[in-house]
């Protein structure tokens, strides 16, 4: 019997925002601003077997990153459930921020604790993370002083060294300068090819997903259009995009 690491059932995620309106007119007419609601994820259900690599594809705005953030626990479901079977989980996404006033070293501790590691466990891995990130003395400078490349290196290094049961990767398969890109890509391949680690990758790098993944899930307008082996999904997806 197959063991599943992730089970998503009837998941719905809604975004809410205010319609543009005149503040002066609103006060004069004593009306509340109208709230618009947009359903980004619509009744999505799927499972991922332990040790498998699932790629998620779809056009911009199809809900890929929203789904990943929900699985990571950043967004709360409006409806449905996400069951991680007690597995530890990490999200590698350059868009997920650090505390800008804290140093790189302090952010390593904070990020590690947020994904479930104890301070002792993080400190045991601290030197490895700092060495991999190649930030030198900047590791003790506030993150707000970092360039985008330095920021990306630190984010990647934390996720790469603090290994979790489930890895979520959002549009990042290699980061930094050419030397670091090669190192990070090789490290990523090592991590995701671990037979005990479950991985979900969101990317527009279709050929890379086709070669790395056991399955592909195609999202379109917040709904699953297809989930199957990479060859079949990519054939239908490419025809659709034409």
Protein backbone atom coordinates (compact mmCIF):
# COMPACT_ATOMS: atom_id res chain seq x y z
CA UNK A 1 0.00 0.00 0.00
CA UNK A 2 1.36 3.43 -0.99
CA UNK A 3 2.28 5.79 1.83
CA UNK A 4 1.27 9.41 1.25
CA UNK A 5 3.18 12.39 2.62
CA UNK A 6 0.65 15.05 1.56
CA UNK A 7 -3.12 14.85 1.15
CA UNK A 8 -5.05 17.93 -0.01
CA UNK A 9 -8.84 17.63 0.08
CA UNK A 10 -11.40 20.04 -1.45
CA UNK A 11 -9.13 23.04 -0.85
CA UNK A 12 -10.41 26.57 -1.46
CA UNK A 13 -8.41 29.79 -0.97
CA UNK A 14 -10.07 33.19 -1.33
CA UNK A 15 -8.50 36.64 -1.61
CA UNK A 16 -10.38 39.65 -0.35
CA UNK A 17 -9.83 43.30 -1.31
CA UNK A 18 -11.60 46.64 -1.36
CA UNK A 19 -13.06 48.09 -4.53
CA UNK A 20 -11.59 51.45 -5.41
CA UNK A 21 -13.77 54.20 -4.04
CA UNK A 22 -13.74 57.82 -2.96
CA UNK A 23 -13.11 58.22 0.79
CA UNK A 24 -14.88 61.59 0.76
CA UNK A 25 -17.89 60.13 -1.05
CA UNK A 26 -17.97 57.18 1.34
CA UNK A 27 -18.12 59.47 4.38
CA UNK A 28 -20.78 61.69 2.86
CA UNK A 29 -23.00 58.76 1.95
CA UNK A 30 -22.21 56.82 5.16
CA UNK A 31 -21.50 53.68 3.15
CA UNK A 32 -18.97 50.98 3.79
CA UNK A 33 -16.50 50.15 1.08
CA UNK A 34 -17.49 47.08 -0.95
CA UNK A 35 -15.31 44.03 -0.40
CA UNK A 36 -14.45 42.00 -3.49
CA UNK A 37 -13.66 38.32 -3.13
CA UNK A 38 -11.60 36.31 -5.60
CA UNK A 39 -11.32 32.54 -5.41
CA UNK A 40 -7.69 31.69 -6.22
CA UNK A 41 -7.95 27.94 -5.46
CA UNK A 42 -11.21 26.15 -6.28
CA UNK A 43 -11.97 22.77 -4.68
CA UNK A 44 -8.54 21.27 -5.34
CA UNK A 45 -7.83 17.69 -4.20
CA UNK A 46 -4.68 15.62 -4.74
CA UNK A 47 -2.16 13.40 -2.92
CA UNK A 48 1.61 13.06 -3.13
CA UNK A 49 3.29 9.75 -2.34
CA UNK A 50 6.17 9.77 0.12
CA UNK A 51 9.46 10.23 -1.74
CA UNK A 52 7.83 11.47 -4.95
CA UNK A 53 8.55 14.71 -6.79
CA UNK A 54 5.45 16.58 -7.96
CA UNK A 55 5.76 19.49 -10.38
CA UNK A 56 3.03 22.14 -10.64
CA UNK A 57 2.61 23.98 -13.93
CA UNK A 58 0.17 26.57 -15.25
CA UNK A 59 -0.05 30.07 -16.62
CA UNK A 60 0.71 33.11 -14.47
CA UNK A 61 -2.20 33.72 -12.11
CA UNK A 62 -3.37 30.10 -12.16
CA UNK A 63 -2.88 29.69 -8.37
CA UNK A 64 0.41 27.76 -8.26
CA UNK A 65 2.20 29.88 -5.63
CA UNK A 66 -1.02 30.30 -3.64
CA UNK A 67 -1.37 26.52 -3.43
CA UNK A 68 2.25 26.13 -2.35
CA UNK A 69 1.89 28.82 0.33
CA UNK A 70 -1.22 27.08 1.66
CA UNK A 71 0.61 23.75 1.93
CA UNK A 72 3.45 25.58 3.72
CA UNK A 73 0.96 26.97 6.26
CA UNK A 74 1.36 30.61 5.20
CA UNK A 75 -2.23 30.84 3.94
CA UNK A 76 -5.12 29.32 5.89
CA UNK A 77 -7.70 27.37 3.84
CA UNK A 78 -11.13 28.97 3.49
CA UNK A 79 -12.45 25.47 2.90
CA UNK A 80 -11.00 21.96 2.82
CA UNK A 81 -8.00 20.34 4.50
CA UNK A 82 -4.25 19.86 4.07
CA UNK A 83 -2.79 16.80 5.83
CA UNK A 84 1.03 16.60 6.03
CA UNK A 85 0.98 13.33 7.99
CA UNK A 86 3.21 14.80 10.72
CA UNK A 87 6.07 15.54 8.30
CA UNK A 88 8.38 18.53 8.72
CA UNK A 89 8.15 21.02 5.85
CA UNK A 90 10.14 23.89 4.39
CA UNK A 91 9.39 26.42 1.65
CA UNK A 92 12.13 27.72 -0.62
CA UNK A 93 10.81 30.93 -2.13
CA UNK A 94 12.81 34.10 -2.64
CA UNK A 95 9.58 36.04 -2.12
CA UNK A 96 9.27 34.83 1.49
CA UNK A 97 11.03 37.48 3.55
CA UNK A 98 13.46 37.63 6.42
CA UNK A 99 13.25 40.10 9.30
CA UNK A 100 15.14 42.96 7.68
CA UNK A 101 16.42 44.52 10.90
CA UNK A 102 17.98 41.25 12.07
CA UNK A 103 21.37 39.94 10.94
CA UNK A 104 21.79 37.00 8.61
CA UNK A 105 22.88 34.84 11.54
CA UNK A 106 19.80 35.83 13.58
CA UNK A 107 17.54 35.14 10.59
CA UNK A 108 19.01 31.65 10.24
CA UNK A 109 17.91 30.88 13.83
CA UNK A 110 14.47 32.45 13.30
CA UNK A 111 13.85 30.69 9.98
CA UNK A 112 14.99 27.35 11.39
CA UNK A 113 12.70 27.60 14.41
CA UNK A 114 9.76 28.53 12.18
CA UNK A 115 10.12 25.26 10.28
CA UNK A 116 10.33 23.22 13.47
CA UNK A 117 14.01 22.90 14.38
CA UNK A 118 15.26 23.48 17.93
CA UNK A 119 17.83 26.20 18.58
CA UNK A 120 20.40 23.49 19.37
CA UNK A 121 19.77 21.74 16.05
CA UNK A 122 20.11 25.04 14.17
CA UNK A 123 23.32 25.99 15.95
CA UNK A 124 24.78 22.57 15.08
CA UNK A 125 24.14 23.36 11.39
CA UNK A 126 25.00 27.08 11.60
CA UNK A 127 28.58 26.80 10.29
CA UNK A 128 27.45 24.67 7.35
CA UNK A 129 24.75 27.19 6.40
CA UNK A 130 27.13 30.15 6.66
CA UNK A 131 29.81 28.35 4.64
CA UNK A 132 27.35 27.37 1.89
CA UNK A 133 25.90 30.89 1.65
CA UNK A 134 29.34 32.47 1.00
CA UNK A 135 28.38 35.79 2.60
CA UNK A 136 31.57 36.35 4.60
CA UNK A 137 31.35 39.06 7.25
CA UNK A 138 27.92 40.11 5.94
CA UNK A 139 26.41 37.20 7.89
CA UNK A 140 26.52 39.50 10.95
CA UNK A 141 25.12 42.53 9.10
CA UNK A 142 21.37 43.37 8.96
CA UNK A 143 19.59 41.69 6.07
CA UNK A 144 18.34 45.11 4.92
CA UNK A 145 21.93 45.81 3.74
CA UNK A 146 21.99 42.70 1.50
CA UNK A 147 21.83 42.73 -2.27
CA UNK A 148 19.15 40.56 -3.90
CA UNK A 149 21.81 37.97 -4.72
CA UNK A 150 23.01 37.77 -1.11
CA UNK A 151 19.42 37.51 0.10
CA UNK A 152 18.79 34.64 -2.31
CA UNK A 153 21.96 32.81 -1.28
CA UNK A 154 21.02 32.91 2.40
CA UNK A 155 17.44 31.78 1.74
CA UNK A 156 18.64 28.87 -0.38
CA UNK A 157 21.34 27.83 2.09
CA UNK A 158 18.94 27.64 5.05
CA UNK A 159 16.55 25.36 3.17
CA UNK A 160 19.35 23.27 1.65
CA UNK A 161 21.17 22.58 4.92
CA UNK A 162 18.19 22.32 7.31
CA UNK A 163 16.72 19.33 5.53
CA UNK A 164 13.03 18.58 6.07
CA UNK A 165 10.77 15.64 5.13
CA UNK A 166 8.87 17.78 2.61
CA UNK A 167 10.43 20.50 0.45
CA UNK A 168 8.35 23.09 -1.39
CA UNK A 169 10.25 24.96 -4.12
CA UNK A 170 8.69 28.05 -5.70
CA UNK A 171 10.31 29.17 -8.97
CA UNK A 172 13.83 28.68 -7.57
CA UNK A 173 16.02 25.89 -8.91
CA UNK A 174 19.29 27.86 -8.81
CA UNK A 175 20.19 31.30 -7.44
CA UNK A 176 23.04 33.80 -7.24
CA UNK A 177 26.06 34.20 -9.54
CA UNK A 178 27.12 31.54 -12.06
CA UNK A 179 29.41 29.72 -9.59
CA UNK A 180 26.74 29.63 -6.88
CA UNK A 181 24.06 28.63 -9.43
CA UNK A 182 26.03 25.51 -10.31
CA UNK A 183 26.60 24.66 -6.64
CA UNK A 184 22.97 25.30 -5.67
CA UNK A 185 21.58 23.32 -8.62
CA UNK A 186 23.75 20.31 -7.74
CA UNK A 187 22.70 20.57 -4.09
CA UNK A 188 19.04 20.80 -5.10
CA UNK A 189 19.31 17.69 -7.27
CA UNK A 190 20.91 15.85 -4.34
CA UNK A 191 18.11 16.93 -1.99
CA UNK A 192 15.17 16.14 -4.23
CA UNK A 193 16.56 12.78 -5.34
CA UNK A 194 16.58 11.52 -1.72
CA UNK A 195 14.07 8.65 -1.86
CA UNK A 196 12.69 9.57 1.59
CA UNK A 197 12.09 13.24 0.79
CA UNK A 198 8.85 14.46 -0.79
CA UNK A 199 9.13 17.48 -3.07
CA UNK A 200 6.70 19.87 -4.77
CA UNK A 201 8.20 22.22 -7.37
CA UNK A 202 6.47 25.20 -8.97
CA UNK A 203 8.34 26.41 -12.03
CA UNK A 204 8.04 27.70 -15.59
CA UNK A 205 11.11 25.63 -16.52
CA UNK A 206 9.00 22.99 -18.28
CA UNK A 207 11.87 20.84 -19.58
CA UNK A 208 13.48 20.73 -16.13
CA UNK A 209 10.21 19.67 -14.50
CA UNK A 210 9.74 17.01 -17.15
CA UNK A 211 13.11 15.47 -16.34
CA UNK A 212 12.96 15.79 -12.53
CA UNK A 213 9.38 14.99 -11.59
CA UNK A 214 7.48 11.74 -11.08
CA UNK A 215 4.16 13.52 -11.73
CA UNK A 216 2.93 16.88 -12.96
CA UNK A 217 -0.17 18.72 -11.75
CA UNK A 218 -1.57 21.31 -14.17
CA UNK A 219 -3.47 24.19 -12.56
CA UNK A 220 -5.67 26.47 -14.64
CA UNK A 221 -7.67 29.33 -13.11
CA UNK A 222 -7.38 27.77 -9.66
CA UNK A 223 -8.60 24.32 -10.71
CA UNK A 224 -6.81 21.07 -11.52
CA UNK A 225 -6.97 20.52 -15.25
CA UNK A 226 -4.82 17.39 -15.27
CA UNK A 227 -2.54 15.30 -13.04
CA UNK A 228 -0.53 12.46 -14.53
CA UNK A 229 2.95 11.47 -15.70
CA UNK A 230 5.09 14.34 -17.07
CA UNK A 231 4.99 13.18 -20.70
CA UNK A 232 1.19 13.10 -20.93
CA UNK A 233 0.64 16.35 -19.02
CA UNK A 234 3.25 18.30 -20.99
CA UNK A 235 1.78 17.10 -24.29
CA UNK A 236 -1.67 18.40 -23.35
CA UNK A 237 -0.30 21.56 -21.72
CA UNK A 238 1.79 22.52 -24.76
CA UNK A 239 -1.20 21.97 -27.07
CA UNK A 240 -3.35 24.11 -24.78
CA UNK A 241 -0.78 26.94 -24.65
CA UNK A 242 -0.59 27.07 -28.45
